[in-house]
């Protein structure tokens, strides 16, 4: 059976995962609407999104500090909100002994 992504809203650790980052980066670059959380996407769809995101980040040496002002501000807001939401819902950014 093909695995599908649960979607950002249903992702573990309140979306503080690699797939969650992909969804947020998709929002940053306008590759997917801000309302899209990629729920039920298959591996092929996630791979296509990853490749588009990678191409966008490559333009800026994969550094948020090199993003144009508008994108940098959008990135900061999206990630600030995501971290605040995750912490408010019990996510602990500290690595455990098994991480």
Protein backbone atom coordinates (compact mmCIF):
# COMPACT_ATOMS: atom_id res chain seq x y z
CA UNK A 1 0.00 0.00 0.00
CA UNK A 2 1.30 3.41 -0.97
CA UNK A 3 2.15 5.71 1.91
CA UNK A 4 0.72 9.19 1.83
CA UNK A 5 1.66 12.27 3.79
CA UNK A 6 -0.73 12.99 6.67
CA UNK A 7 -0.58 16.72 5.97
CA UNK A 8 0.95 19.54 7.94
CA UNK A 9 -2.01 19.81 10.31
CA UNK A 10 -1.73 16.10 11.16
CA UNK A 11 2.05 15.81 11.05
CA UNK A 12 3.92 14.63 14.13
CA UNK A 13 5.57 17.22 16.36
CA UNK A 14 3.12 19.85 15.10
CA UNK A 15 4.76 19.77 11.70
CA UNK A 16 8.31 20.21 12.92
CA UNK A 17 9.48 17.55 10.46
CA UNK A 18 11.18 17.51 7.06
CA UNK A 19 7.82 17.22 5.33
CA UNK A 20 6.43 20.06 7.43
CA UNK A 21 9.36 22.21 6.40
CA UNK A 22 8.67 21.39 2.76
CA UNK A 23 5.06 22.54 3.09
CA UNK A 24 6.10 25.79 4.76
CA UNK A 25 8.82 26.40 2.16
CA UNK A 26 6.23 25.76 -0.54
CA UNK A 27 4.20 28.56 1.04
CA UNK A 28 7.23 30.86 1.30
CA UNK A 29 7.95 30.59 -2.41
CA UNK A 30 4.30 30.60 -3.48
CA UNK A 31 4.58 27.11 -4.95
CA UNK A 32 1.44 26.00 -3.13
CA UNK A 33 -1.35 28.09 -1.60
CA UNK A 34 -1.04 28.94 2.10
CA UNK A 35 -4.17 26.85 2.65
CA UNK A 36 -2.60 23.69 1.17
CA UNK A 37 -1.16 21.36 3.82
CA UNK A 38 -0.42 18.52 1.36
CA UNK A 39 -2.67 16.06 3.18
CA UNK A 40 -2.92 12.75 1.35
CA UNK A 41 -0.15 13.63 -1.11
CA UNK A 42 1.78 10.64 -2.41
CA UNK A 43 5.56 10.33 -2.61
CA UNK A 44 5.63 11.51 -6.22
CA UNK A 45 3.77 14.72 -5.42
CA UNK A 46 6.04 15.40 -2.45
CA UNK A 47 9.11 14.76 -4.62
CA UNK A 48 7.93 17.25 -7.25
CA UNK A 49 7.35 19.86 -4.52
CA UNK A 50 10.80 19.14 -3.05
CA UNK A 51 12.48 19.64 -6.44
CA UNK A 52 10.70 22.97 -6.98
CA UNK A 53 11.64 24.14 -3.49
CA UNK A 54 15.25 23.07 -3.98
CA UNK A 55 15.44 25.06 -7.21
CA UNK A 56 14.10 28.16 -5.45
CA UNK A 57 16.48 27.84 -2.49
CA UNK A 58 19.41 27.30 -4.85
CA UNK A 59 18.94 30.87 -6.15
CA UNK A 60 19.74 32.11 -2.62
CA UNK A 61 22.49 29.64 -1.67
CA UNK A 62 19.92 27.90 0.59
CA UNK A 63 20.20 30.75 3.12
CA UNK A 64 17.20 32.69 4.44
CA UNK A 65 19.48 35.69 4.94
CA UNK A 66 19.97 35.90 1.17
CA UNK A 67 16.27 35.98 0.36
CA UNK A 68 14.90 39.26 -1.01
CA UNK A 69 13.25 41.35 1.71
CA UNK A 70 9.69 40.29 0.91
CA UNK A 71 10.53 36.57 0.88
CA UNK A 72 12.77 36.87 3.95
CA UNK A 73 9.96 38.55 5.90
CA UNK A 74 7.46 35.93 4.69
CA UNK A 75 9.85 33.12 5.67
CA UNK A 76 10.42 34.64 9.11
CA UNK A 77 6.68 35.06 9.75
CA UNK A 78 5.75 31.56 8.60
CA UNK A 79 8.47 29.89 10.65
CA UNK A 80 7.96 32.13 13.70
CA UNK A 81 4.25 31.25 13.71
CA UNK A 82 4.97 27.54 13.19
CA UNK A 83 7.47 27.40 16.06
CA UNK A 84 5.14 29.30 18.40
CA UNK A 85 2.25 26.96 17.50
CA UNK A 86 4.37 23.85 17.98
CA UNK A 87 5.73 25.00 21.35
CA UNK A 88 2.24 25.93 22.54
CA UNK A 89 1.17 22.39 21.68
CA UNK A 90 3.98 20.63 23.52
CA UNK A 91 6.78 20.44 20.97
CA UNK A 92 10.21 20.57 22.62
CA UNK A 93 12.99 21.72 20.28
CA UNK A 94 15.68 20.15 22.48
CA UNK A 95 17.12 16.89 21.18
CA UNK A 96 16.70 13.86 23.38
CA UNK A 97 19.19 11.09 23.98
CA UNK A 98 17.75 9.09 21.06
CA UNK A 99 17.87 11.97 18.54
